[in-house]
PDB file of N, CA and C in Angstrom:
ATOM      1  N   MET A   1     113.046  58.604  48.051  1.00  0.00           N
ATOM      2  CA  MET A   1     112.615  57.727  49.128  1.00  0.00           C
ATOM      3  C   MET A   1     111.491  58.399  49.903  1.00  0.00           C
ATOM      4  N   THR A   2     110.461  57.641  50.212  1.00  0.00           N
ATOM      5  CA  THR A   2     109.311  58.166  50.938  1.00  0.00           C
ATOM      6  C   THR A   2     109.454  57.842  52.416  1.00  0.00           C
ATOM      7  N   THR A   3     109.168  58.831  53.251  1.00  0.00           N
ATOM      8  CA  THR A   3     109.182  58.595  54.695  1.00  0.00           C
ATOM      9  C   THR A   3     107.755  58.595  55.205  1.00  0.00           C
ATOM     10  N   VAL A   4     107.544  57.895  56.289  1.00  0.00           N
ATOM     11  CA  VAL A   4     106.215  57.793  56.883  1.00  0.00           C
ATOM     12  C   VAL A   4     106.187  58.643  58.137  1.00  0.00           C
ATOM     13  N   SER A   5     105.221  59.554  58.198  1.00  0.00           N
ATOM     14  CA  SER A   5     105.058  60.364  59.400  1.00  0.00           C
ATOM     15  C   SER A   5     103.743  59.988  60.064  1.00  0.00           C
ATOM     16  N   LYS A   6     103.580  60.414  61.310  1.00  0.00           N
ATOM     17  CA  LYS A   6     102.357  60.082  62.044  1.00  0.00           C
ATOM     18  C   LYS A   6     101.115  60.646  61.372  1.00  0.00           C
ATOM     19  N   GLY A   7     101.238  61.748  60.676  1.00  0.00           N
ATOM     20  CA  GLY A   7     100.084  62.374  60.050  1.00  0.00           C
ATOM     21  C   GLY A   7      99.768  61.834  58.675  1.00  0.00           C
ATOM     22  N   SER A   8     100.618  60.988  58.121  1.00  0.00           N
ATOM     23  CA  SER A   8     100.380  60.492  56.770  1.00  0.00           C
ATOM     24  C   SER A   8      99.338  59.381  56.775  1.00  0.00           C
ATOM     25  N   LYS A   9      98.893  59.025  55.579  1.00  0.00           N
ATOM     26  CA  LYS A   9      97.904  57.965  55.446  1.00  0.00           C
ATOM     27  C   LYS A   9      98.489  56.602  55.785  1.00  0.00           C
ATOM     28  N   SER A  10      99.788  56.510  55.949  1.00  0.00           N
ATOM     29  CA  SER A  10     100.414  55.233  56.265  1.00  0.00           C
ATOM     30  C   SER A  10     100.747  55.102  57.738  1.00  0.00           C
ATOM     31  N   GLY A  11     100.425  56.104  58.528  1.00  0.00           N
ATOM     32  CA  GLY A  11     100.844  56.123  59.919  1.00  0.00           C
ATOM     33  C   GLY A  11      99.908  55.419  60.870  1.00  0.00           C
ATOM     34  N   LEU A  12     100.047  55.779  62.121  1.00  0.00           N
ATOM     35  CA  LEU A  12      99.287  55.165  63.202  1.00  0.00           C
ATOM     36  C   LEU A  12      97.783  55.373  63.024  1.00  0.00           C
ATOM     37  N   LYS A  13      97.394  56.529  62.531  1.00  0.00           N
ATOM     38  CA  LYS A  13      95.968  56.813  62.323  1.00  0.00           C
ATOM     39  C   LYS A  13      95.357  55.821  61.327  1.00  0.00           C
ATOM     40  N   ARG A  14      96.093  55.542  60.274  1.00  0.00           N
ATOM     41  CA  ARG A  14      95.603  54.593  59.272  1.00  0.00           C
ATOM     42  C   ARG A  14      95.517  53.184  59.862  1.00  0.00           C
ATOM     43  N   LEU A  15      96.492  52.830  60.686  1.00  0.00           N
ATOM     44  CA  LEU A  15      96.472  51.524  61.331  1.00  0.00           C
ATOM     45  C   LEU A  15      95.251  51.384  62.235  1.00  0.00           C
ATOM     46  N   ARG A  16      94.963  52.429  63.010  1.00  0.00           N
ATOM     47  CA  ARG A  16      93.778  52.408  63.878  1.00  0.00           C
ATOM     48  C   ARG A  16      92.499  52.263  63.059  1.00  0.00           C
ATOM     49  N   LYS A  17      92.439  52.987  61.930  1.00  0.00           N
ATOM     50  CA  LYS A  17      91.257  52.881  61.064  1.00  0.00           C
ATOM     51  C   LYS A  17      91.114  51.464  60.516  1.00  0.00           C
ATOM     52  N   SER A  18      92.241  50.856  60.169  1.00  0.00           N
ATOM     53  CA  SER A  18      92.201  49.478  59.662  1.00  0.00           C
ATOM     54  C   SER A  18      91.641  48.530  60.709  1.00  0.00           C
ATOM     55  N   PHE A  19      92.099  48.678  61.961  1.00  0.00           N
ATOM     56  CA  PHE A  19      91.574  47.835  63.036  1.00  0.00           C
ATOM     57  C   PHE A  19      90.091  48.116  63.268  1.00  0.00           C
ATOM     58  N   ALA A  20      89.693  49.382  63.196  1.00  0.00           N
ATOM     59  CA  ALA A  20      88.279  49.732  63.385  1.00  0.00           C
ATOM     60  C   ALA A  20      87.419  49.076  62.306  1.00  0.00           C
ATOM     61  N   HIS A  21      87.886  49.108  61.056  1.00  0.00           N
ATOM     62  CA  HIS A  21      87.138  48.461  59.969  1.00  0.00           C
ATOM     63  C   HIS A  21      87.072  46.950  60.179  1.00  0.00           C
ATOM     64  N   ALA A  22      88.175  46.366  60.637  1.00  0.00           N
ATOM     65  CA  ALA A  22      88.191  44.920  60.888  1.00  0.00           C
ATOM     66  C   ALA A  22      87.176  44.552  61.970  1.00  0.00           C
ATOM     67  N   TRP A  23      87.125  45.341  63.047  1.00  0.00           N
ATOM     68  CA  TRP A  23      86.155  45.069  64.117  1.00  0.00           C
ATOM     69  C   TRP A  23      84.729  45.258  63.627  1.00  0.00           C
ATOM     70  N   GLN A  24      84.511  46.240  62.737  1.00  0.00           N
ATOM     71  CA  GLN A  24      83.172  46.410  62.155  1.00  0.00           C
ATOM     72  C   GLN A  24      82.773  45.157  61.382  1.00  0.00           C
ATOM     73  N   GLY A  25      83.730  44.602  60.651  1.00  0.00           N
ATOM     74  CA  GLY A  25      83.461  43.373  59.906  1.00  0.00           C
ATOM     75  C   GLY A  25      83.116  42.216  60.819  1.00  0.00           C
ATOM     76  N   ILE A  26      83.876  42.067  61.900  1.00  0.00           N
ATOM     77  CA  ILE A  26      83.602  40.989  62.853  1.00  0.00           C
ATOM     78  C   ILE A  26      82.238  41.182  63.504  1.00  0.00           C
ATOM     79  N   ARG A  27      81.921  42.429  63.878  1.00  0.00           N
ATOM     80  CA  ARG A  27      80.609  42.698  64.482  1.00  0.00           C
ATOM     81  C   ARG A  27      79.482  42.382  63.497  1.00  0.00           C
ATOM     82  N   PHE A  28      79.694  42.725  62.216  1.00  0.00           N
ATOM     83  CA  PHE A  28      78.674  42.422  61.212  1.00  0.00           C
ATOM     84  C   PHE A  28      78.461  40.917  61.103  1.00  0.00           C
ATOM     85  N   VAL A  29      79.553  40.174  61.014  1.00  0.00           N
ATOM     86  CA  VAL A  29      79.433  38.718  60.888  1.00  0.00           C
ATOM     87  C   VAL A  29      78.755  38.143  62.128  1.00  0.00           C
ATOM     88  N   TRP A  30      79.127  38.631  63.312  1.00  0.00           N
ATOM     89  CA  TRP A  30      78.502  38.160  64.554  1.00  0.00           C
ATOM     90  C   TRP A  30      76.991  38.398  64.522  1.00  0.00           C
ATOM     91  N   SER A  31      76.593  39.598  64.102  1.00  0.00           N
ATOM     92  CA  SER A  31      75.172  39.955  64.159  1.00  0.00           C
ATOM     93  C   SER A  31      74.354  39.319  63.036  1.00  0.00           C
ATOM     94  N   SER A  32      74.993  38.957  61.936  1.00  0.00           N
ATOM     95  CA  SER A  32      74.218  38.488  60.783  1.00  0.00           C
ATOM     96  C   SER A  32      74.337  36.992  60.500  1.00  0.00           C
ATOM     97  N   GLU A  33      75.320  36.335  61.075  1.00  0.00           N
ATOM     98  CA  GLU A  33      75.565  34.935  60.726  1.00  0.00           C
ATOM     99  C   GLU A  33      75.424  34.012  61.932  1.00  0.00           C
ATOM    100  N   GLN A  34      74.372  33.217  61.926  1.00  0.00           N
ATOM    101  CA  GLN A  34      74.123  32.279  63.018  1.00  0.00           C
ATOM    102  C   GLN A  34      75.277  31.284  63.171  1.00  0.00           C
ATOM    103  N   ASN A  35      75.826  30.817  62.062  1.00  0.00           N
ATOM    104  CA  ASN A  35      76.915  29.838  62.143  1.00  0.00           C
ATOM    105  C   ASN A  35      78.134  30.403  62.864  1.00  0.00           C
ATOM    106  N   PHE A  36      78.411  31.691  62.695  1.00  0.00           N
ATOM    107  CA  PHE A  36      79.537  32.316  63.394  1.00  0.00           C
ATOM    108  C   PHE A  36      79.297  32.273  64.897  1.00  0.00           C
ATOM    109  N   ARG A  37      78.068  32.555  65.299  1.00  0.00           N
ATOM    110  CA  ARG A  37      77.742  32.509  66.730  1.00  0.00           C
ATOM    111  C   ARG A  37      77.807  31.073  67.260  1.00  0.00           C
ATOM    112  N   ILE A  38      77.383  30.115  66.454  1.00  0.00           N
ATOM    113  CA  ILE A  38      77.481  28.705  66.856  1.00  0.00           C
ATOM    114  C   ILE A  38      78.948  28.313  67.028  1.00  0.00           C
ATOM    115  N   HIS A  39      79.782  28.699  66.065  1.00  0.00           N
ATOM    116  CA  HIS A  39      81.216  28.390  66.164  1.00  0.00           C
ATOM    117  C   HIS A  39      81.845  29.067  67.379  1.00  0.00           C
ATOM    118  N   THR A  40      81.391  30.272  67.703  1.00  0.00           N
ATOM    119  CA  THR A  40      81.909  30.972  68.886  1.00  0.00           C
ATOM    120  C   THR A  40      81.536  30.217  70.158  1.00  0.00           C
ATOM    121  N   GLY A  41      80.303  29.751  70.232  1.00  0.00           N
ATOM    122  CA  GLY A  41      79.881  28.954  71.388  1.00  0.00           C
ATOM    123  C   GLY A  41      80.659  27.652  71.489  1.00  0.00           C
ATOM    124  N   ALA A  42      80.864  26.997  70.354  1.00  0.00           N
ATOM    125  CA  ALA A  42      81.646  25.758  70.350  1.00  0.00           C
ATOM    126  C   ALA A  42      83.080  26.031  70.791  1.00  0.00           C
ATOM    127  N   ALA A  43      83.634  27.153  70.340  1.00  0.00           N
ATOM    128  CA  ALA A  43      85.000  27.518  70.737  1.00  0.00           C
ATOM    129  C   ALA A  43      85.088  27.733  72.239  1.00  0.00           C
ATOM    130  N   ALA A  44      84.094  28.405  72.807  1.00  0.00           N
ATOM    131  CA  ALA A  44      84.081  28.626  74.262  1.00  0.00           C
ATOM    132  C   ALA A  44      84.014  27.293  75.006  1.00  0.00           C
ATOM    133  N   ALA A  45      83.212  26.363  74.503  1.00  0.00           N
ATOM    134  CA  ALA A  45      83.106  25.041  75.136  1.00  0.00           C
ATOM    135  C   ALA A  45      84.425  24.277  75.036  1.00  0.00           C
ATOM    136  N   VAL A  46      85.076  24.357  73.888  1.00  0.00           N
ATOM    137  CA  VAL A  46      86.363  23.677  73.700  1.00  0.00           C
ATOM    138  C   VAL A  46      87.421  24.272  74.625  1.00  0.00           C
ATOM    139  N   ILE A  47      87.429  25.597  74.752  1.00  0.00           N
ATOM    140  CA  ILE A  47      88.388  26.247  75.655  1.00  0.00           C
ATOM    141  C   ILE A  47      88.133  25.811  77.098  1.00  0.00           C
ATOM    142  N   ALA A  48      86.870  25.787  77.504  1.00  0.00           N
ATOM    143  CA  ALA A  48      86.538  25.343  78.865  1.00  0.00           C
ATOM    144  C   ALA A  48      86.976  23.896  79.085  1.00  0.00           C
ATOM    145  N   LEU A  49      86.740  23.038  78.098  1.00  0.00           N
ATOM    146  CA  LEU A  49      87.153  21.644  78.205  1.00  0.00           C
ATOM    147  C   LEU A  49      88.675  21.530  78.284  1.00  0.00           C
ATOM    148  N   GLY A  50      89.358  22.347  77.491  1.00  0.00           N
ATOM    149  CA  GLY A  50      90.822  22.347  77.532  1.00  0.00           C
ATOM    150  C   GLY A  50      91.360  22.732  78.896  1.00  0.00           C
ATOM    151  N   VAL A  51      90.721  23.706  79.529  1.00  0.00           N
ATOM    152  CA  VAL A  51      91.120  24.119  80.881  1.00  0.00           C
ATOM    153  C   VAL A  51      90.845  22.990  81.869  1.00  0.00           C
ATOM    154  N   MET A  52      89.657  22.394  81.788  1.00  0.00           N
ATOM    155  CA  MET A  52      89.288  21.319  82.726  1.00  0.00           C
ATOM    156  C   MET A  52      90.200  20.100  82.594  1.00  0.00           C
ATOM    157  N   LEU A  53      90.618  19.803  81.369  1.00  0.00           N
ATOM    158  CA  LEU A  53      91.443  18.616  81.141  1.00  0.00           C
ATOM    159  C   LEU A  53      92.940  18.916  81.155  1.00  0.00           C
ATOM    160  N   SER A  54      93.296  20.167  81.401  1.00  0.00           N
ATOM    161  CA  SER A  54      94.709  20.586  81.465  1.00  0.00           C
ATOM    162  C   SER A  54      95.503  20.118  80.239  1.00  0.00           C
ATOM    163  N   ILE A  55      95.029  20.509  79.056  1.00  0.00           N
ATOM    164  CA  ILE A  55      95.745  20.104  77.849  1.00  0.00           C
ATOM    165  C   ILE A  55      97.118  20.776  77.813  1.00  0.00           C
ATOM    166  N   SER A  56      98.032  20.179  77.072  1.00  0.00           N
ATOM    167  CA  SER A  56      99.422  20.647  77.021  1.00  0.00           C
ATOM    168  C   SER A  56      99.540  21.942  76.213  1.00  0.00           C
ATOM    169  N   LEU A  57     100.697  22.576  76.317  1.00  0.00           N
ATOM    170  CA  LEU A  57     100.956  23.798  75.549  1.00  0.00           C
ATOM    171  C   LEU A  57     100.807  23.529  74.055  1.00  0.00           C
ATOM    172  N   PHE A  58     101.374  22.443  73.577  1.00  0.00           N
ATOM    173  CA  PHE A  58     101.269  22.103  72.161  1.00  0.00           C
ATOM    174  C   PHE A  58      99.807  21.912  71.756  1.00  0.00           C
ATOM    175  N   GLU A  59      99.032  21.248  72.603  1.00  0.00           N
ATOM    176  CA  GLU A  59      97.608  21.052  72.310  1.00  0.00           C
ATOM    177  C   GLU A  59      96.864  22.381  72.301  1.00  0.00           C
ATOM    178  N   TRP A  60      97.227  23.305  73.208  1.00  0.00           N
ATOM    179  CA  TRP A  60      96.620  24.641  73.196  1.00  0.00           C
ATOM    180  C   TRP A  60      96.931  25.361  71.889  1.00  0.00           C
ATOM    181  N   ILE A  61      98.162  25.231  71.420  1.00  0.00           N
ATOM    182  CA  ILE A  61      98.535  25.877  70.151  1.00  0.00           C
ATOM    183  C   ILE A  61      97.653  25.345  69.024  1.00  0.00           C
ATOM    184  N   ILE A  62      97.484  24.037  68.980  1.00  0.00           N
ATOM    185  CA  ILE A  62      96.637  23.426  67.946  1.00  0.00           C
ATOM    186  C   ILE A  62      95.193  23.912  68.073  1.00  0.00           C
ATOM    187  N   VAL A  63      94.660  23.896  69.292  1.00  0.00           N
ATOM    188  CA  VAL A  63      93.273  24.315  69.528  1.00  0.00           C
ATOM    189  C   VAL A  63      93.075  25.774  69.117  1.00  0.00           C
ATOM    190  N   ILE A  64      94.002  26.646  69.492  1.00  0.00           N
ATOM    191  CA  ILE A  64      93.881  28.070  69.143  1.00  0.00           C
ATOM    192  C   ILE A  64      93.973  28.266  67.634  1.00  0.00           C
ATOM    193  N   LEU A  65      94.875  27.540  66.980  1.00  0.00           N
ATOM    194  CA  LEU A  65      94.963  27.625  65.517  1.00  0.00           C
ATOM    195  C   LEU A  65      93.665  27.155  64.858  1.00  0.00           C
ATOM    196  N   LEU A  66      93.098  26.077  65.365  1.00  0.00           N
ATOM    197  CA  LEU A  66      91.848  25.569  64.793  1.00  0.00           C
ATOM    198  C   LEU A  66      90.696  26.545  65.008  1.00  0.00           C
ATOM    199  N   ILE A  67      90.592  27.092  66.208  1.00  0.00           N
ATOM    200  CA  ILE A  67      89.506  28.040  66.499  1.00  0.00           C
ATOM    201  C   ILE A  67      89.653  29.300  65.658  1.00  0.00           C
ATOM    202  N   SER A  68      90.845  29.887  65.644  1.00  0.00           N
ATOM    203  CA  SER A  68      91.027  31.131  64.885  1.00  0.00           C
ATOM    204  C   SER A  68      90.866  30.883  63.391  1.00  0.00           C
ATOM    205  N   GLY A  69      91.329  29.739  62.905  1.00  0.00           N
ATOM    206  CA  GLY A  69      91.139  29.405  61.493  1.00  0.00           C
ATOM    207  C   GLY A  69      89.671  29.250  61.135  1.00  0.00           C
ATOM    208  N   MET A  70      88.915  28.604  62.024  1.00  0.00           N
ATOM    209  CA  MET A  70      87.477  28.412  61.787  1.00  0.00           C
ATOM    210  C   MET A  70      86.759  29.755  61.724  1.00  0.00           C
ATOM    211  N   MET A  71      87.068  30.637  62.683  1.00  0.00           N
ATOM    212  CA  MET A  71      86.410  31.945  62.731  1.00  0.00           C
ATOM    213  C   MET A  71      86.801  32.790  61.506  1.00  0.00           C
ATOM    214  N   ALA A  72      88.065  32.727  61.123  1.00  0.00           N
ATOM    215  CA  ALA A  72      88.513  33.481  59.947  1.00  0.00           C
ATOM    216  C   ALA A  72      87.842  32.956  58.679  1.00  0.00           C
ATOM    217  N   LEU A  73      87.749  31.646  58.556  1.00  0.00           N
ATOM    218  CA  LEU A  73      87.133  31.063  57.366  1.00  0.00           C
ATOM    219  C   LEU A  73      85.643  31.377  57.300  1.00  0.00           C
ATOM    220  N   GLU A  74      84.973  31.342  58.433  1.00  0.00           N
ATOM    221  CA  GLU A  74      83.552  31.705  58.472  1.00  0.00           C
ATOM    222  C   GLU A  74      83.365  33.178  58.077  1.00  0.00           C
ATOM    223  N   THR A  75      84.281  34.032  58.510  1.00  0.00           N
ATOM    224  CA  THR A  75      84.234  35.455  58.145  1.00  0.00           C
ATOM    225  C   THR A  75      84.453  35.632  56.644  1.00  0.00           C
ATOM    226  N   MET A  76      85.422  34.908  56.077  1.00  0.00           N
ATOM    227  CA  MET A  76      85.666  34.989  54.632  1.00  0.00           C
ATOM    228  C   MET A  76      84.465  34.458  53.844  1.00  0.00           C
ATOM    229  N   ASN A  77      83.826  33.417  54.337  1.00  0.00           N
ATOM    230  CA  ASN A  77      82.632  32.889  53.691  1.00  0.00           C
ATOM    231  C   ASN A  77      81.554  33.968  53.599  1.00  0.00           C
ATOM    232  N   THR A  78      81.367  34.698  54.690  1.00  0.00           N
ATOM    233  CA  THR A  78      80.382  35.783  54.690  1.00  0.00           C
ATOM    234  C   THR A  78      80.776  36.865  53.690  1.00  0.00           C
ATOM    235  N   ALA A  79      82.062  37.214  53.650  1.00  0.00           N
ATOM    236  CA  ALA A  79      82.526  38.236  52.705  1.00  0.00           C
ATOM    237  C   ALA A  79      82.259  37.802  51.264  1.00  0.00           C
ATOM    238  N   ILE A  80      82.521  36.547  50.962  1.00  0.00           N
ATOM    239  CA  ILE A  80      82.268  36.039  49.609  1.00  0.00           C
ATOM    240  C   ILE A  80      80.775  36.077  49.294  1.00  0.00           C
ATOM    241  N   GLU A  81      79.954  35.641  50.232  1.00  0.00           N
ATOM    242  CA  GLU A  81      78.502  35.665  50.012  1.00  0.00           C
ATOM    243  C   GLU A  81      78.002  37.077  49.736  1.00  0.00           C
ATOM    244  N   LYS A  82      78.465  38.049  50.515  1.00  0.00           N
ATOM    245  CA  LYS A  82      77.999  39.427  50.346  1.00  0.00           C
ATOM    246  C   LYS A  82      78.516  40.022  49.040  1.00  0.00           C
ATOM    247  N   ALA A  83      79.746  39.694  48.662  1.00  0.00           N
ATOM    248  CA  ALA A  83      80.288  40.194  47.391  1.00  0.00           C
ATOM    249  C   ALA A  83      79.505  39.620  46.215  1.00  0.00           C
ATOM    250  N   VAL A  84      79.160  38.353  46.281  1.00  0.00           N
ATOM    251  CA  VAL A  84      78.358  37.737  45.222  1.00  0.00           C
ATOM    252  C   VAL A  84      76.981  38.391  45.160  1.00  0.00           C
ATOM    253  N   ASP A  85      76.374  38.648  46.315  1.00  0.00           N
ATOM    254  CA  ASP A  85      75.073  39.318  46.346  1.00  0.00           C
ATOM    255  C   ASP A  85      75.148  40.718  45.736  1.00  0.00           C
ATOM    256  N   LEU A  86      76.268  41.392  45.931  1.00  0.00           N
ATOM    257  CA  LEU A  86      76.445  42.727  45.360  1.00  0.00           C
ATOM    258  C   LEU A  86      76.498  42.661  43.839  1.00  0.00           C
ATOM    259  N   VAL A  87      77.187  41.659  43.320  1.00  0.00           N
ATOM    260  CA  VAL A  87      77.348  41.528  41.872  1.00  0.00           C
ATOM    261  C   VAL A  87      76.044  41.110  41.210  1.00  0.00           C
ATOM    262  N   THR A  88      75.349  40.159  41.799  1.00  0.00           N
ATOM    263  CA  THR A  88      74.099  39.685  41.211  1.00  0.00           C
ATOM    264  C   THR A  88      73.114  39.273  42.296  1.00  0.00           C
ATOM    265  N   PRO A  89      72.159  40.145  42.607  1.00  0.00           N
ATOM    266  CA  PRO A  89      71.169  39.792  43.623  1.00  0.00           C
ATOM    267  C   PRO A  89      70.195  38.702  43.151  1.00  0.00           C
ATOM    268  N   GLU A  90      70.091  38.508  41.825  1.00  0.00           N
ATOM    269  CA  GLU A  90      69.220  37.455  41.308  1.00  0.00           C
ATOM    270  C   GLU A  90      69.958  36.120  41.345  1.00  0.00           C
ATOM    271  N   TYR A  91      69.171  35.045  41.231  1.00  0.00           N
ATOM    272  CA  TYR A  91      69.782  33.715  41.180  1.00  0.00           C
ATOM    273  C   TYR A  91      70.594  33.579  39.901  1.00  0.00           C
ATOM    274  N   HIS A  92      71.790  33.056  40.043  1.00  0.00           N
ATOM    275  CA  HIS A  92      72.631  32.740  38.895  1.00  0.00           C
ATOM    276  C   HIS A  92      73.416  31.486  39.256  1.00  0.00           C
ATOM    277  N   PRO A  93      73.531  30.535  38.327  1.00  0.00           N
ATOM    278  CA  PRO A  93      74.228  29.286  38.652  1.00  0.00           C
ATOM    279  C   PRO A  93      75.675  29.498  39.117  1.00  0.00           C
ATOM    280  N   LEU A  94      76.374  30.464  38.537  1.00  0.00           N
ATOM    281  CA  LEU A  94      77.756  30.718  38.961  1.00  0.00           C
ATOM    282  C   LEU A  94      77.810  31.344  40.352  1.00  0.00           C
ATOM    283  N   ALA A  95      76.824  32.176  40.669  1.00  0.00           N
ATOM    284  CA  ALA A  95      76.758  32.747  42.021  1.00  0.00           C
ATOM    285  C   ALA A  95      76.525  31.631  43.033  1.00  0.00           C
ATOM    286  N   LYS A  96      75.653  30.698  42.688  1.00  0.00           N
ATOM    287  CA  LYS A  96      75.391  29.557  43.572  1.00  0.00           C
ATOM    288  C   LYS A  96      76.654  28.739  43.782  1.00  0.00           C
ATOM    289  N   ILE A  97      77.388  28.487  42.713  1.00  0.00           N
ATOM    290  CA  ILE A  97      78.632  27.719  42.826  1.00  0.00           C
ATOM    291  C   ILE A  97      79.616  28.431  43.752  1.00  0.00           C
ATOM    292  N   SER A  98      79.746  29.750  43.599  1.00  0.00           N
ATOM    293  CA  SER A  98      80.664  30.512  44.456  1.00  0.00           C
ATOM    294  C   SER A  98      80.276  30.398  45.920  1.00  0.00           C
ATOM    295  N   LYS A  99      78.996  30.587  46.196  1.00  0.00           N
ATOM    296  CA  LYS A  99      78.528  30.511  47.586  1.00  0.00           C
ATOM    297  C   LYS A  99      78.656  29.095  48.141  1.00  0.00           C
ATOM    298  N   ASP A 100      78.287  28.107  47.340  1.00  0.00           N
ATOM    299  CA  ASP A 100      78.375  26.719  47.796  1.00  0.00           C
ATOM    300  C   ASP A 100      79.825  26.307  48.038  1.00  0.00           C
ATOM    301  N   ALA A 101      80.730  26.740  47.162  1.00  0.00           N
ATOM    302  CA  ALA A 101      82.142  26.389  47.330  1.00  0.00           C
ATOM    303  C   ALA A 101      82.715  27.027  48.593  1.00  0.00           C
ATOM    304  N   ALA A 102      82.348  28.284  48.857  1.00  0.00           N
ATOM    305  CA  ALA A 102      82.821  28.952  50.076  1.00  0.00           C
ATOM    306  C   ALA A 102      82.286  28.239  51.316  1.00  0.00           C
ATOM    307  N   ALA A 103      81.015  27.874  51.287  1.00  0.00           N
ATOM    308  CA  ALA A 103      80.438  27.129  52.413  1.00  0.00           C
ATOM    309  C   ALA A 103      81.085  25.752  52.532  1.00  0.00           C
ATOM    310  N   GLY A 104      81.405  25.144  51.407  1.00  0.00           N
ATOM    311  CA  GLY A 104      82.082  23.851  51.419  1.00  0.00           C
ATOM    312  C   GLY A 104      83.457  23.930  52.064  1.00  0.00           C
ATOM    313  N   ALA A 105      84.168  25.023  51.816  1.00  0.00           N
ATOM    314  CA  ALA A 105      85.479  25.211  52.447  1.00  0.00           C
ATOM    315  C   ALA A 105      85.342  25.263  53.964  1.00  0.00           C
ATOM    316  N   VAL A 106      84.313  25.943  54.438  1.00  0.00           N
ATOM    317  CA  VAL A 106      84.057  26.012  55.883  1.00  0.00           C
ATOM    318  C   VAL A 106      83.760  24.610  56.416  1.00  0.00           C
ATOM    319  N   LEU A 107      82.948  23.856  55.698  1.00  0.00           N
ATOM    320  CA  LEU A 107      82.595  22.508  56.137  1.00  0.00           C
ATOM    321  C   LEU A 107      83.822  21.596  56.198  1.00  0.00           C
ATOM    322  N   VAL A 108      84.664  21.643  55.173  1.00  0.00           N
ATOM    323  CA  VAL A 108      85.880  20.822  55.162  1.00  0.00           C
ATOM    324  C   VAL A 108      86.752  21.145  56.372  1.00  0.00           C
ATOM    325  N   TYR A 109      86.937  22.440  56.646  1.00  0.00           N
ATOM    326  CA  TYR A 109      87.758  22.852  57.789  1.00  0.00           C
ATOM    327  C   TYR A 109      87.111  22.412  59.098  1.00  0.00           C
ATOM    328  N   ALA A 110      85.796  22.571  59.208  1.00  0.00           N
ATOM    329  CA  ALA A 110      85.092  22.189  60.437  1.00  0.00           C
ATOM    330  C   ALA A 110      85.219  20.689  60.698  1.00  0.00           C
ATOM    331  N   ILE A 111      85.116  19.880  59.662  1.00  0.00           N
ATOM    332  CA  ILE A 111      85.270  18.431  59.831  1.00  0.00           C
ATOM    333  C   ILE A 111      86.688  18.102  60.292  1.00  0.00           C
ATOM    334  N   GLY A 112      87.671  18.716  59.647  1.00  0.00           N
ATOM    335  CA  GLY A 112      89.060  18.494  60.058  1.00  0.00           C
ATOM    336  C   GLY A 112      89.310  18.935  61.486  1.00  0.00           C
ATOM    337  N   ALA A 113      88.773  20.096  61.856  1.00  0.00           N
ATOM    338  CA  ALA A 113      88.942  20.604  63.226  1.00  0.00           C
ATOM    339  C   ALA A 113      88.278  19.669  64.227  1.00  0.00           C
ATOM    340  N   PHE A 114      87.107  19.156  63.885  1.00  0.00           N
ATOM    341  CA  PHE A 114      86.402  18.229  64.770  1.00  0.00           C
ATOM    342  C   PHE A 114      87.216  16.952  64.981  1.00  0.00           C
ATOM    343  N   ILE A 115      87.758  16.407  63.905  1.00  0.00           N
ATOM    344  CA  ILE A 115      88.561  15.183  64.009  1.00  0.00           C
ATOM    345  C   ILE A 115      89.796  15.422  64.875  1.00  0.00           C
ATOM    346  N   ILE A 116      90.492  16.532  64.634  1.00  0.00           N
ATOM    347  CA  ILE A 116      91.673  16.851  65.443  1.00  0.00           C
ATOM    348  C   ILE A 116      91.274  17.058  66.898  1.00  0.00           C
ATOM    349  N   GLY A 117      90.155  17.744  67.125  1.00  0.00           N
ATOM    350  CA  GLY A 117      89.662  17.932  68.491  1.00  0.00           C
ATOM    351  C   GLY A 117      89.393  16.601  69.176  1.00  0.00           C
ATOM    352  N   CYS A 118      88.799  15.670  68.439  1.00  0.00           N
ATOM    353  CA  CYS A 118      88.554  14.332  69.001  1.00  0.00           C
ATOM    354  C   CYS A 118      89.866  13.640  69.354  1.00  0.00           C
ATOM    355  N   LEU A 119      90.868  13.770  68.491  1.00  0.00           N
ATOM    356  CA  LEU A 119      92.168  13.148  68.762  1.00  0.00           C
ATOM    357  C   LEU A 119      92.830  13.739  70.006  1.00  0.00           C
ATOM    358  N   ILE A 120      92.586  15.018  70.257  1.00  0.00           N
ATOM    359  CA  ILE A 120      93.163  15.667  71.445  1.00  0.00           C
ATOM    360  C   ILE A 120      92.374  15.312  72.698  1.00  0.00           C
ATOM    361  N   PHE A 121      91.039  15.394  72.625  1.00  0.00           N
ATOM    362  CA  PHE A 121      90.227  15.326  73.842  1.00  0.00           C
ATOM    363  C   PHE A 121      89.757  13.919  74.233  1.00  0.00           C
ATOM    364  N   ILE A 122      89.428  13.074  73.288  1.00  0.00           N
ATOM    365  CA  ILE A 122      88.868  11.760  73.641  1.00  0.00           C
ATOM    366  C   ILE A 122      89.821  10.938  74.519  1.00  0.00           C
ATOM    367  N   PRO A 123      91.115  10.855  74.189  1.00  0.00           N
ATOM    368  CA  PRO A 123      92.000  10.080  75.079  1.00  0.00           C
ATOM    369  C   PRO A 123      92.055  10.631  76.508  1.00  0.00           C
ATOM    370  N   LYS A 124      91.878  11.924  76.666  1.00  0.00           N
ATOM    371  CA  LYS A 124      91.914  12.527  78.003  1.00  0.00           C
ATOM    372  C   LYS A 124      90.616  12.254  78.771  1.00  0.00           C
ATOM    373  N   ILE A 125      89.523  12.113  78.036  1.00  0.00           N
ATOM    374  CA  ILE A 125      88.224  11.857  78.668  1.00  0.00           C
ATOM    375  C   ILE A 125      88.099  10.383  79.058  1.00  0.00           C
ATOM    376  N   LEU A 126      88.633   9.510  78.202  1.00  0.00           N
ATOM    377  CA  LEU A 126      88.524   8.061  78.465  1.00  0.00           C
ATOM    378  C   LEU A 126      89.557   7.677  79.447  1.00  0.00           C
TER     379      LEU A 126
END
């Protein structure tokens, strides 16, 4: 049986390194992807609107899930794009399909999030 100590690669130090790498990834996506920054601005506007309209706890849960899902999906899209670029920097039809499909996943989620947002906010505005 293996035990985990603070000094091992499985301990607290490794966990901190994992979080540091995750933040590096988020910073990279923020600095390199305009769509991520647009989604962040939209999220801030939605949060402000939620506060102004006093949405319910359940609605906050939905809004937070939609925002975090959108940001995570946009981050994964960037990871897929960069991995494809690493494999083949030249144009290749399969690379295009991979990138387009990843972007399509973001679009599908964004449309769904927008529709759900409308269902939450429009009745409160009208």
